[in-house]
């Protein structure tokens, strides 16, 4: 590569440096700290020592870690892959056929939850699912039982809250994808006698396969990192019944002051995100062949 070729990359150099400093730097530090006994305070904070794979061996023996891993998979699968993805697709399809006023009203209501600051959305969800919250007030008005959702069904509550919070993103992605499908294709299928479900299954979904994979990748990675919503609603309780991996990493690092062990949990979370990312990218490439 000659001097002229190198100069072509000069405009992206600042962005590359920022990525290295603010993205790759913290990731590298987290991996490095996971092999030490770094503490939040005390002697291990001043003089951390290299402990090799000790923190990862602790993960294998920690009974909370497999529970937390399973809850994270449940949270991502239930709220992102099934909830946000399918509900977003259904809303996009229905809004395309609805009257303009109805479509605008529904779109505004769904997007309103998405544009709220995360901490505000978390408090709103807590107020809705708490023992004296809106949901139980509605159930009480109908003469139904009023369970303590955040104590008896903590994961169901945070899954539903994350579906409410994030469905707008999937809806916007699918609305843009559906708008790119030529009207003539759907009209030709309709003239050939294809019903609504057949057009959706054999024409619409295959044509927006790239958007589906992109949306799944983004909402999966986004949901893996959700912390504030879970922490405000349940703080991981009761008895670790809603302790996802981000909550476990936070508790170990900042509640118990074990930065080394907390970064080991965070490193596992990073690896899971990388596996999902690589899988979805391979899916995208296969779709383009």
C-alpha atoms as a PDB file:
ATOM      1  CA  UNK A   1       0.000   0.000   0.000  1.00  0.00           C
ATOM      2  CA  UNK A   2       1.524   3.298  -1.107  1.00  0.00           C
ATOM      3  CA  UNK A   3       1.527   6.707   0.555  1.00  0.00           C
ATOM      4  CA  UNK A   4      -1.614   7.674  -1.354  1.00  0.00           C
ATOM      5  CA  UNK A   5      -3.416   4.618  -0.061  1.00  0.00           C
ATOM      6  CA  UNK A   6      -2.470   5.402   3.540  1.00  0.00           C
ATOM      7  CA  UNK A   7      -3.754   8.975   3.183  1.00  0.00           C
ATOM      8  CA  UNK A   8      -7.201   7.601   2.283  1.00  0.00           C
ATOM      9  CA  UNK A   9      -7.471   6.166   5.800  1.00  0.00           C
ATOM     10  CA  UNK A  10      -6.446   9.434   7.484  1.00  0.00           C
ATOM     11  CA  UNK A  11     -10.074  10.755   7.935  1.00  0.00           C
ATOM     12  CA  UNK A  12     -11.072   7.656   9.937  1.00  0.00           C
ATOM     13  CA  UNK A  13      -8.009   7.824  12.185  1.00  0.00           C
ATOM     14  CA  UNK A  14      -9.689   9.972  14.921  1.00  0.00           C
ATOM     15  CA  UNK A  15     -12.674   7.600  15.087  1.00  0.00           C
ATOM     16  CA  UNK A  16     -10.310   4.619  15.259  1.00  0.00           C
ATOM     17  CA  UNK A  17      -8.341   6.199  18.101  1.00  0.00           C
ATOM     18  CA  UNK A  18     -11.556   6.975  20.026  1.00  0.00           C
ATOM     19  CA  UNK A  19     -12.711   3.361  19.620  1.00  0.00           C
ATOM     20  CA  UNK A  20      -9.371   2.066  20.867  1.00  0.00           C
ATOM     21  CA  UNK A  21      -9.337   4.402  23.894  1.00  0.00           C
ATOM     22  CA  UNK A  22     -12.995   4.233  24.983  1.00  0.00           C
ATOM     23  CA  UNK A  23     -14.074   0.753  23.766  1.00  0.00           C
ATOM     24  CA  UNK A  24     -11.113  -1.576  23.340  1.00  0.00           C
ATOM     25  CA  UNK A  25      -9.295  -0.055  26.323  1.00  0.00           C
ATOM     26  CA  UNK A  26     -11.973  -0.817  28.959  1.00  0.00           C
ATOM     27  CA  UNK A  27     -12.612  -4.273  27.463  1.00  0.00           C
ATOM     28  CA  UNK A  28      -8.899  -5.090  27.660  1.00  0.00           C
ATOM     29  CA  UNK A  29      -8.742  -3.743  31.242  1.00  0.00           C
ATOM     30  CA  UNK A  30     -11.747  -5.904  32.244  1.00  0.00           C
ATOM     31  CA  UNK A  31     -10.128  -9.059  30.852  1.00  0.00           C
ATOM     32  CA  UNK A  32      -6.831  -8.201  32.543  1.00  0.00           C
ATOM     33  CA  UNK A  33      -8.532  -7.455  35.901  1.00  0.00           C
ATOM     34  CA  UNK A  34     -10.419 -10.773  35.759  1.00  0.00           C
ATOM     35  CA  UNK A  35      -7.067 -12.539  36.219  1.00  0.00           C
ATOM     36  CA  UNK A  36      -6.228 -10.554  39.377  1.00  0.00           C
ATOM     37  CA  UNK A  37      -7.589 -10.204  42.914  1.00  0.00           C
ATOM     38  CA  UNK A  38      -8.268  -6.475  42.458  1.00  0.00           C
ATOM     39  CA  UNK A  39     -10.512  -5.106  45.222  1.00  0.00           C
ATOM     40  CA  UNK A  40     -12.648  -1.994  45.402  1.00  0.00           C
ATOM     41  CA  UNK A  41     -10.948  -0.878  48.604  1.00  0.00           C
ATOM     42  CA  UNK A  42      -8.175  -2.043  50.932  1.00  0.00           C
ATOM     43  CA  UNK A  43      -4.876  -3.798  50.244  1.00  0.00           C
ATOM     44  CA  UNK A  44      -6.091  -5.547  47.069  1.00  0.00           C
ATOM     45  CA  UNK A  45      -7.110  -2.178  45.612  1.00  0.00           C
ATOM     46  CA  UNK A  46      -3.617  -0.731  46.179  1.00  0.00           C
ATOM     47  CA  UNK A  47      -1.578  -3.799  45.254  1.00  0.00           C
ATOM     48  CA  UNK A  48      -3.611  -6.297  43.221  1.00  0.00           C
ATOM     49  CA  UNK A  49      -1.930  -9.627  42.515  1.00  0.00           C
ATOM     50  CA  UNK A  50      -2.098 -11.938  39.495  1.00  0.00           C
ATOM     51  CA  UNK A  51      -4.227 -15.004  40.390  1.00  0.00           C
ATOM     52  CA  UNK A  52      -4.486 -16.616  36.951  1.00  0.00           C
ATOM     53  CA  UNK A  53      -7.728 -18.553  36.366  1.00  0.00           C
ATOM     54  CA  UNK A  54      -8.775 -18.518  40.029  1.00  0.00           C
ATOM     55  CA  UNK A  55     -11.738 -16.173  39.438  1.00  0.00           C
ATOM     56  CA  UNK A  56     -13.006 -18.371  36.589  1.00  0.00           C
ATOM     57  CA  UNK A  57     -12.635 -21.484  38.763  1.00  0.00           C
ATOM     58  CA  UNK A  58     -14.746 -19.706  41.400  1.00  0.00           C
ATOM     59  CA  UNK A  59     -17.411 -19.135  38.731  1.00  0.00           C
ATOM     60  CA  UNK A  60     -17.668 -22.886  38.155  1.00  0.00           C
ATOM     61  CA  UNK A  61     -18.130 -23.518  41.879  1.00  0.00           C
ATOM     62  CA  UNK A  62     -20.429 -20.549  42.569  1.00  0.00           C
ATOM     63  CA  UNK A  63     -24.067 -21.819  42.750  1.00  0.00           C
ATOM     64  CA  UNK A  64     -25.361 -18.345  41.830  1.00  0.00           C
ATOM     65  CA  UNK A  65     -23.466 -18.222  38.503  1.00  0.00           C
ATOM     66  CA  UNK A  66     -25.355 -21.016  36.630  1.00  0.00           C
ATOM     67  CA  UNK A  67     -28.624 -19.619  38.010  1.00  0.00           C
ATOM     68  CA  UNK A  68     -27.656 -16.146  36.813  1.00  0.00           C
ATOM     69  CA  UNK A  69     -26.601 -17.496  33.405  1.00  0.00           C
ATOM     70  CA  UNK A  70     -29.926 -19.287  32.984  1.00  0.00           C
ATOM     71  CA  UNK A  71     -31.887 -16.203  34.037  1.00  0.00           C
ATOM     72  CA  UNK A  72     -29.934 -14.102  31.518  1.00  0.00           C
ATOM     73  CA  UNK A  73     -30.768 -16.542  28.703  1.00  0.00           C
ATOM     74  CA  UNK A  74     -34.421 -16.512  29.822  1.00  0.00           C
ATOM     75  CA  UNK A  75     -34.443 -12.710  29.960  1.00  0.00           C
ATOM     76  CA  UNK A  76     -32.912 -12.323  26.476  1.00  0.00           C
ATOM     77  CA  UNK A  77     -35.020 -15.069  24.864  1.00  0.00           C
ATOM     78  CA  UNK A  78     -38.278 -13.999  26.504  1.00  0.00           C
ATOM     79  CA  UNK A  79     -38.061 -10.237  26.278  1.00  0.00           C
ATOM     80  CA  UNK A  80     -35.931  -9.668  23.155  1.00  0.00           C
ATOM     81  CA  UNK A  81     -36.052 -12.642  20.760  1.00  0.00           C
ATOM     82  CA  UNK A  82     -39.721 -13.483  21.404  1.00  0.00           C
ATOM     83  CA  UNK A  83     -41.295 -10.412  23.000  1.00  0.00           C
ATOM     84  CA  UNK A  84     -39.779  -7.360  21.303  1.00  0.00           C
ATOM     85  CA  UNK A  85     -39.070  -9.113  17.995  1.00  0.00           C
ATOM     86  CA  UNK A  86     -42.466 -10.763  17.422  1.00  0.00           C
ATOM     87  CA  UNK A  87     -44.521  -7.933  18.904  1.00  0.00           C
ATOM     88  CA  UNK A  88     -42.569  -5.357  16.879  1.00  0.00           C
ATOM     89  CA  UNK A  89     -43.155  -7.350  13.685  1.00  0.00           C
ATOM     90  CA  UNK A  90     -46.862  -7.795  14.439  1.00  0.00           C
ATOM     91  CA  UNK A  91     -47.307  -4.073  15.146  1.00  0.00           C
ATOM     92  CA  UNK A  92     -45.443  -3.113  11.959  1.00  0.00           C
ATOM     93  CA  UNK A  93     -47.628  -5.419   9.827  1.00  0.00           C
ATOM     94  CA  UNK A  94     -50.886  -4.303  11.467  1.00  0.00           C
ATOM     95  CA  UNK A  95     -49.989  -0.593  11.368  1.00  0.00           C
ATOM     96  CA  UNK A  96     -49.368  -0.891   7.625  1.00  0.00           C
ATOM     97  CA  UNK A  97     -52.981  -1.925   7.145  1.00  0.00           C
ATOM     98  CA  UNK A  98     -54.535   0.361   9.766  1.00  0.00           C
ATOM     99  CA  UNK A  99     -55.952   3.818   9.203  1.00  0.00           C
ATOM    100  CA  UNK A 100     -53.403   6.602   9.340  1.00  0.00           C
ATOM    101  CA  UNK A 101     -54.792   8.099  12.570  1.00  0.00           C
ATOM    102  CA  UNK A 102     -54.790   4.718  14.340  1.00  0.00           C
ATOM    103  CA  UNK A 103     -51.296   3.938  13.060  1.00  0.00           C
ATOM    104  CA  UNK A 104     -49.963   7.292  14.306  1.00  0.00           C
ATOM    105  CA  UNK A 105     -51.640   6.879  17.709  1.00  0.00           C
ATOM    106  CA  UNK A 106     -50.284   3.354  18.248  1.00  0.00           C
ATOM    107  CA  UNK A 107     -46.825   4.328  16.961  1.00  0.00           C
ATOM    108  CA  UNK A 108     -46.644   7.305  19.326  1.00  0.00           C
ATOM    109  CA  UNK A 109     -47.717   5.215  22.330  1.00  0.00           C
ATOM    110  CA  UNK A 110     -45.136   2.495  21.602  1.00  0.00           C
ATOM    111  CA  UNK A 111     -42.277   4.885  20.862  1.00  0.00           C
ATOM    112  CA  UNK A 112     -43.024   6.931  24.010  1.00  0.00           C
ATOM    113  CA  UNK A 113     -41.777   4.049  26.192  1.00  0.00           C
ATOM    114  CA  UNK A 114     -38.602   3.769  24.114  1.00  0.00           C
ATOM    115  CA  UNK A 115     -37.615   7.448  24.277  1.00  0.00           C
ATOM    116  CA  UNK A 116     -37.969   7.630  28.063  1.00  0.00           C
ATOM    117  CA  UNK A 117     -34.654   7.746  29.935  1.00  0.00           C
ATOM    118  CA  UNK A 118     -33.874   4.250  31.196  1.00  0.00           C
ATOM    119  CA  UNK A 119     -34.085   5.209  34.855  1.00  0.00           C
ATOM    120  CA  UNK A 120     -37.499   6.854  34.328  1.00  0.00           C
ATOM    121  CA  UNK A 121     -38.789   3.793  32.446  1.00  0.00           C
ATOM    122  CA  UNK A 122     -37.490   1.560  35.258  1.00  0.00           C
ATOM    123  CA  UNK A 123     -39.317   3.559  37.933  1.00  0.00           C
ATOM    124  CA  UNK A 124     -42.498   3.554  35.801  1.00  0.00           C
ATOM    125  CA  UNK A 125     -42.279  -0.243  35.460  1.00  0.00           C
ATOM    126  CA  UNK A 126     -41.675  -0.574  39.210  1.00  0.00           C
ATOM    127  CA  UNK A 127     -44.727   1.577  39.935  1.00  0.00           C
ATOM    128  CA  UNK A 128     -46.814  -0.569  37.582  1.00  0.00           C
ATOM    129  CA  UNK A 129     -45.788  -3.986  38.974  1.00  0.00           C
ATOM    130  CA  UNK A 130     -45.313  -3.121  42.682  1.00  0.00           C
ATOM    131  CA  UNK A 131     -47.694  -4.545  45.295  1.00  0.00           C
ATOM    132  CA  UNK A 132     -49.776  -1.355  45.432  1.00  0.00           C
ATOM    133  CA  UNK A 133     -49.090  -0.473  41.803  1.00  0.00           C
ATOM    134  CA  UNK A 134     -51.265   0.199  38.797  1.00  0.00           C
ATOM    135  CA  UNK A 135     -51.580  -3.438  37.685  1.00  0.00           C
ATOM    136  CA  UNK A 136     -52.883  -4.608  41.058  1.00  0.00           C
ATOM    137  CA  UNK A 137     -55.239  -1.627  41.237  1.00  0.00           C
ATOM    138  CA  UNK A 138     -56.707  -2.705  37.896  1.00  0.00           C
ATOM    139  CA  UNK A 139     -56.952  -6.349  38.994  1.00  0.00           C
ATOM    140  CA  UNK A 140     -58.550  -5.287  42.281  1.00  0.00           C
ATOM    141  CA  UNK A 141     -61.143  -3.247  40.382  1.00  0.00           C
ATOM    142  CA  UNK A 142     -62.063  -6.428  38.474  1.00  0.00           C
ATOM    143  CA  UNK A 143     -62.325  -8.422  41.711  1.00  0.00           C
ATOM    144  CA  UNK A 144     -59.256 -10.543  40.939  1.00  0.00           C
ATOM    145  CA  UNK A 145     -56.372 -11.552  43.220  1.00  0.00           C
ATOM    146  CA  UNK A 146     -53.514  -9.074  43.574  1.00  0.00           C
ATOM    147  CA  UNK A 147     -50.180 -10.942  43.779  1.00  0.00           C
ATOM    148  CA  UNK A 148     -46.900  -9.274  44.676  1.00  0.00           C
ATOM    149  CA  UNK A 149     -45.463  -9.492  41.152  1.00  0.00           C
ATOM    150  CA  UNK A 150     -41.944  -8.340  42.050  1.00  0.00           C
ATOM    151  CA  UNK A 151     -41.712 -10.950  44.824  1.00  0.00           C
ATOM    152  CA  UNK A 152     -43.672 -13.907  43.433  1.00  0.00           C
ATOM    153  CA  UNK A 153     -42.976 -13.439  39.676  1.00  0.00           C
ATOM    154  CA  UNK A 154     -39.866 -11.220  39.451  1.00  0.00           C
ATOM    155  CA  UNK A 155     -38.557 -12.544  36.122  1.00  0.00           C
ATOM    156  CA  UNK A 156     -41.984 -12.344  34.481  1.00  0.00           C
ATOM    157  CA  UNK A 157     -42.237  -8.726  35.632  1.00  0.00           C
ATOM    158  CA  UNK A 158     -38.819  -7.665  34.295  1.00  0.00           C
ATOM    159  CA  UNK A 159     -39.363  -9.569  31.018  1.00  0.00           C
ATOM    160  CA  UNK A 160     -42.699  -7.794  30.437  1.00  0.00           C
ATOM    161  CA  UNK A 161     -41.168  -4.448  31.413  1.00  0.00           C
ATOM    162  CA  UNK A 162     -38.332  -4.915  28.911  1.00  0.00           C
ATOM    163  CA  UNK A 163     -40.804  -5.903  26.185  1.00  0.00           C
ATOM    164  CA  UNK A 164     -42.754  -2.689  26.889  1.00  0.00           C
ATOM    165  CA  UNK A 165     -39.545  -0.665  26.938  1.00  0.00           C
ATOM    166  CA  UNK A 166     -37.890  -2.004  23.766  1.00  0.00           C
ATOM    167  CA  UNK A 167     -40.604  -3.074  21.292  1.00  0.00           C
ATOM    168  CA  UNK A 168     -40.529   0.322  19.568  1.00  0.00           C
ATOM    169  CA  UNK A 169     -37.059  -0.341  18.131  1.00  0.00           C
ATOM    170  CA  UNK A 170     -38.137  -3.593  16.445  1.00  0.00           C
ATOM    171  CA  UNK A 171     -41.345  -1.955  15.225  1.00  0.00           C
ATOM    172  CA  UNK A 172     -39.414   0.891  13.559  1.00  0.00           C
ATOM    173  CA  UNK A 173     -36.929  -1.525  11.937  1.00  0.00           C
ATOM    174  CA  UNK A 174     -39.714  -3.696  10.512  1.00  0.00           C
ATOM    175  CA  UNK A 175     -41.800  -0.730   9.342  1.00  0.00           C
ATOM    176  CA  UNK A 176     -38.818   0.535   7.331  1.00  0.00           C
ATOM    177  CA  UNK A 177     -38.195  -2.967   5.935  1.00  0.00           C
ATOM    178  CA  UNK A 178     -41.859  -3.474   4.963  1.00  0.00           C
ATOM    179  CA  UNK A 179     -41.947  -0.122   3.201  1.00  0.00           C
ATOM    180  CA  UNK A 180     -39.112  -1.328   0.926  1.00  0.00           C
ATOM    181  CA  UNK A 181     -41.152  -4.287  -0.388  1.00  0.00           C
ATOM    182  CA  UNK A 182     -42.561  -3.406  -3.820  1.00  0.00           C
ATOM    183  CA  UNK A 183     -46.357  -3.207  -3.787  1.00  0.00           C
ATOM    184  CA  UNK A 184     -46.450  -5.109  -7.095  1.00  0.00           C
ATOM    185  CA  UNK A 185     -45.034  -8.242  -5.448  1.00  0.00           C
ATOM    186  CA  UNK A 186     -47.814  -8.446  -2.862  1.00  0.00           C
ATOM    187  CA  UNK A 187     -50.468  -7.609  -5.485  1.00  0.00           C
ATOM    188  CA  UNK A 188     -49.190 -10.353  -7.798  1.00  0.00           C
ATOM    189  CA  UNK A 189     -49.301 -12.912  -4.964  1.00  0.00           C
ATOM    190  CA  UNK A 190     -52.821 -11.796  -4.057  1.00  0.00           C
ATOM    191  CA  UNK A 191     -53.953 -12.209  -7.675  1.00  0.00           C
ATOM    192  CA  UNK A 192     -52.507 -15.739  -7.620  1.00  0.00           C
ATOM    193  CA  UNK A 193     -54.788 -16.529  -4.700  1.00  0.00           C
ATOM    194  CA  UNK A 194     -52.285 -16.314  -1.818  1.00  0.00           C
ATOM    195  CA  UNK A 195     -53.931 -15.496   1.529  1.00  0.00           C
ATOM    196  CA  UNK A 196     -52.643 -13.064   4.140  1.00  0.00           C
ATOM    197  CA  UNK A 197     -50.691 -15.669   6.128  1.00  0.00           C
ATOM    198  CA  UNK A 198     -49.243 -17.199   2.948  1.00  0.00           C
ATOM    199  CA  UNK A 199     -48.033 -13.788   1.735  1.00  0.00           C
ATOM    200  CA  UNK A 200     -46.485 -13.123   5.131  1.00  0.00           C
ATOM    201  CA  UNK A 201     -44.758 -16.523   5.374  1.00  0.00           C
ATOM    202  CA  UNK A 202     -43.589 -16.999   1.790  1.00  0.00           C
ATOM    203  CA  UNK A 203     -43.064 -13.436   0.508  1.00  0.00           C
ATOM    204  CA  UNK A 204     -42.782 -10.831   3.263  1.00  0.00           C
ATOM    205  CA  UNK A 205     -40.578 -12.677   5.768  1.00  0.00           C
ATOM    206  CA  UNK A 206     -38.069 -14.007   3.194  1.00  0.00           C
ATOM    207  CA  UNK A 207     -37.752 -10.519   1.663  1.00  0.00           C
ATOM    208  CA  UNK A 208     -37.000  -8.879   5.021  1.00  0.00           C
ATOM    209  CA  UNK A 209     -34.735 -11.692   6.282  1.00  0.00           C
ATOM    210  CA  UNK A 210     -31.749  -9.336   6.463  1.00  0.00           C
ATOM    211  CA  UNK A 211     -33.688  -6.855   8.607  1.00  0.00           C
ATOM    212  CA  UNK A 212     -34.845  -9.679  10.895  1.00  0.00           C
ATOM    213  CA  UNK A 213     -31.260 -10.843  11.470  1.00  0.00           C
ATOM    214  CA  UNK A 214     -30.031  -7.281  12.039  1.00  0.00           C
ATOM    215  CA  UNK A 215     -32.852  -6.543  14.469  1.00  0.00           C
ATOM    216  CA  UNK A 216     -32.262  -9.793  16.377  1.00  0.00           C
ATOM    217  CA  UNK A 217     -28.553  -9.042  16.681  1.00  0.00           C
ATOM    218  CA  UNK A 218     -29.089  -5.500  17.966  1.00  0.00           C
ATOM    219  CA  UNK A 219     -31.871  -6.241  20.462  1.00  0.00           C
ATOM    220  CA  UNK A 220     -30.029  -9.323  21.769  1.00  0.00           C
ATOM    221  CA  UNK A 221     -26.857  -7.345  22.468  1.00  0.00           C
ATOM    222  CA  UNK A 222     -28.909  -4.468  23.895  1.00  0.00           C
ATOM    223  CA  UNK A 223     -30.871  -6.772  26.216  1.00  0.00           C
ATOM    224  CA  UNK A 224     -27.734  -8.592  27.404  1.00  0.00           C
ATOM    225  CA  UNK A 225     -26.538  -5.244  28.766  1.00  0.00           C
ATOM    226  CA  UNK A 226     -29.790  -4.245  30.536  1.00  0.00           C
ATOM    227  CA  UNK A 227     -28.981  -3.432  34.157  1.00  0.00           C
ATOM    228  CA  UNK A 228     -30.933  -0.399  35.376  1.00  0.00           C
ATOM    229  CA  UNK A 229     -34.378  -1.853  34.651  1.00  0.00           C
ATOM    230  CA  UNK A 230     -33.685  -5.064  36.609  1.00  0.00           C
ATOM    231  CA  UNK A 231     -31.843  -3.323  39.435  1.00  0.00           C
ATOM    232  CA  UNK A 232     -34.562  -0.709  40.058  1.00  0.00           C
ATOM    233  CA  UNK A 233     -37.428  -3.241  39.873  1.00  0.00           C
ATOM    234  CA  UNK A 234     -36.004  -6.138  41.922  1.00  0.00           C
ATOM    235  CA  UNK A 235     -32.276  -5.526  42.680  1.00  0.00           C
ATOM    236  CA  UNK A 236     -31.779  -9.149  41.596  1.00  0.00           C
ATOM    237  CA  UNK A 237     -34.096 -10.560  44.280  1.00  0.00           C
ATOM    238  CA  UNK A 238     -35.770 -12.118  45.960  1.00  0.00           C
ATOM    239  CA  UNK A 239     -33.061 -14.698  46.801  1.00  0.00           C
ATOM    240  CA  UNK A 240     -31.301 -14.138  43.431  1.00  0.00           C
ATOM    241  CA  UNK A 241     -34.492 -15.047  41.554  1.00  0.00           C
ATOM    242  CA  UNK A 242     -33.878 -12.224  39.051  1.00  0.00           C
ATOM    243  CA  UNK A 243     -30.082 -11.880  39.246  1.00  0.00           C
ATOM    244  CA  UNK A 244     -29.016 -11.650  35.622  1.00  0.00           C
ATOM    245  CA  UNK A 245     -25.305 -11.544  34.737  1.00  0.00           C
ATOM    246  CA  UNK A 246     -25.027  -7.698  34.671  1.00  0.00           C
ATOM    247  CA  UNK A 247     -26.615  -7.572  38.150  1.00  0.00           C
ATOM    248  CA  UNK A 248     -24.305 -10.344  39.428  1.00  0.00           C
ATOM    249  CA  UNK A 249     -21.235  -8.535  38.050  1.00  0.00           C
ATOM    250  CA  UNK A 250     -22.321  -5.284  39.715  1.00  0.00           C
ATOM    251  CA  UNK A 251     -23.029  -6.979  43.053  1.00  0.00           C
ATOM    252  CA  UNK A 252     -19.672  -8.769  43.143  1.00  0.00           C
ATOM    253  CA  UNK A 253     -17.657  -5.750  42.009  1.00  0.00           C
ATOM    254  CA  UNK A 254     -19.314  -2.854  43.864  1.00  0.00           C
ATOM    255  CA  UNK A 255     -21.468  -4.383  46.621  1.00  0.00           C
ATOM    256  CA  UNK A 256     -18.937  -6.949  47.826  1.00  0.00           C
ATOM    257  CA  UNK A 257     -15.891  -4.996  46.579  1.00  0.00           C
ATOM    258  CA  UNK A 258     -14.395  -7.909  44.569  1.00  0.00           C
ATOM    259  CA  UNK A 259     -13.480  -6.189  41.302  1.00  0.00           C
ATOM    260  CA  UNK A 260     -11.498  -9.184  40.027  1.00  0.00           C
ATOM    261  CA  UNK A 261     -14.398 -11.634  40.391  1.00  0.00           C
ATOM    262  CA  UNK A 262     -16.909  -9.070  39.106  1.00  0.00           C
ATOM    263  CA  UNK A 263     -14.870  -8.482  35.948  1.00  0.00           C
ATOM    264  CA  UNK A 264     -14.670 -12.262  35.442  1.00  0.00           C
ATOM    265  CA  UNK A 265     -18.492 -12.332  35.364  1.00  0.00           C
ATOM    266  CA  UNK A 266     -18.485  -9.324  33.012  1.00  0.00           C
ATOM    267  CA  UNK A 267     -15.945 -11.061  30.748  1.00  0.00           C
ATOM    268  CA  UNK A 268     -18.240 -14.081  30.412  1.00  0.00           C
ATOM    269  CA  UNK A 269     -21.039 -11.684  29.475  1.00  0.00           C
ATOM    270  CA  UNK A 270     -18.804 -10.092  26.823  1.00  0.00           C
ATOM    271  CA  UNK A 271     -18.000 -13.527  25.372  1.00  0.00           C
ATOM    272  CA  UNK A 272     -21.699 -14.441  25.222  1.00  0.00           C
ATOM    273  CA  UNK A 273     -22.399 -11.173  23.389  1.00  0.00           C
ATOM    274  CA  UNK A 274     -19.552 -11.887  20.973  1.00  0.00           C
ATOM    275  CA  UNK A 275     -20.916 -15.394  20.252  1.00  0.00           C
ATOM    276  CA  UNK A 276     -24.390 -13.976  19.519  1.00  0.00           C
ATOM    277  CA  UNK A 277     -22.855 -11.237  17.344  1.00  0.00           C
ATOM    278  CA  UNK A 278     -20.759 -13.670  15.283  1.00  0.00           C
ATOM    279  CA  UNK A 279     -23.753 -15.998  14.864  1.00  0.00           C
ATOM    280  CA  UNK A 280     -26.038 -13.253  13.590  1.00  0.00           C
ATOM    281  CA  UNK A 281     -23.336 -11.863  11.260  1.00  0.00           C
ATOM    282  CA  UNK A 282     -22.890 -15.343   9.739  1.00  0.00           C
ATOM    283  CA  UNK A 283     -26.667 -15.494   9.320  1.00  0.00           C
ATOM    284  CA  UNK A 284     -26.605 -12.150   7.513  1.00  0.00           C
ATOM    285  CA  UNK A 285     -23.826 -13.292   5.158  1.00  0.00           C
ATOM    286  CA  UNK A 286     -25.626 -16.525   4.324  1.00  0.00           C
ATOM    287  CA  UNK A 287     -28.742 -14.504   3.548  1.00  0.00           C
ATOM    288  CA  UNK A 288     -26.859 -12.430   0.957  1.00  0.00           C
ATOM    289  CA  UNK A 289     -25.547 -15.476  -0.936  1.00  0.00           C
END
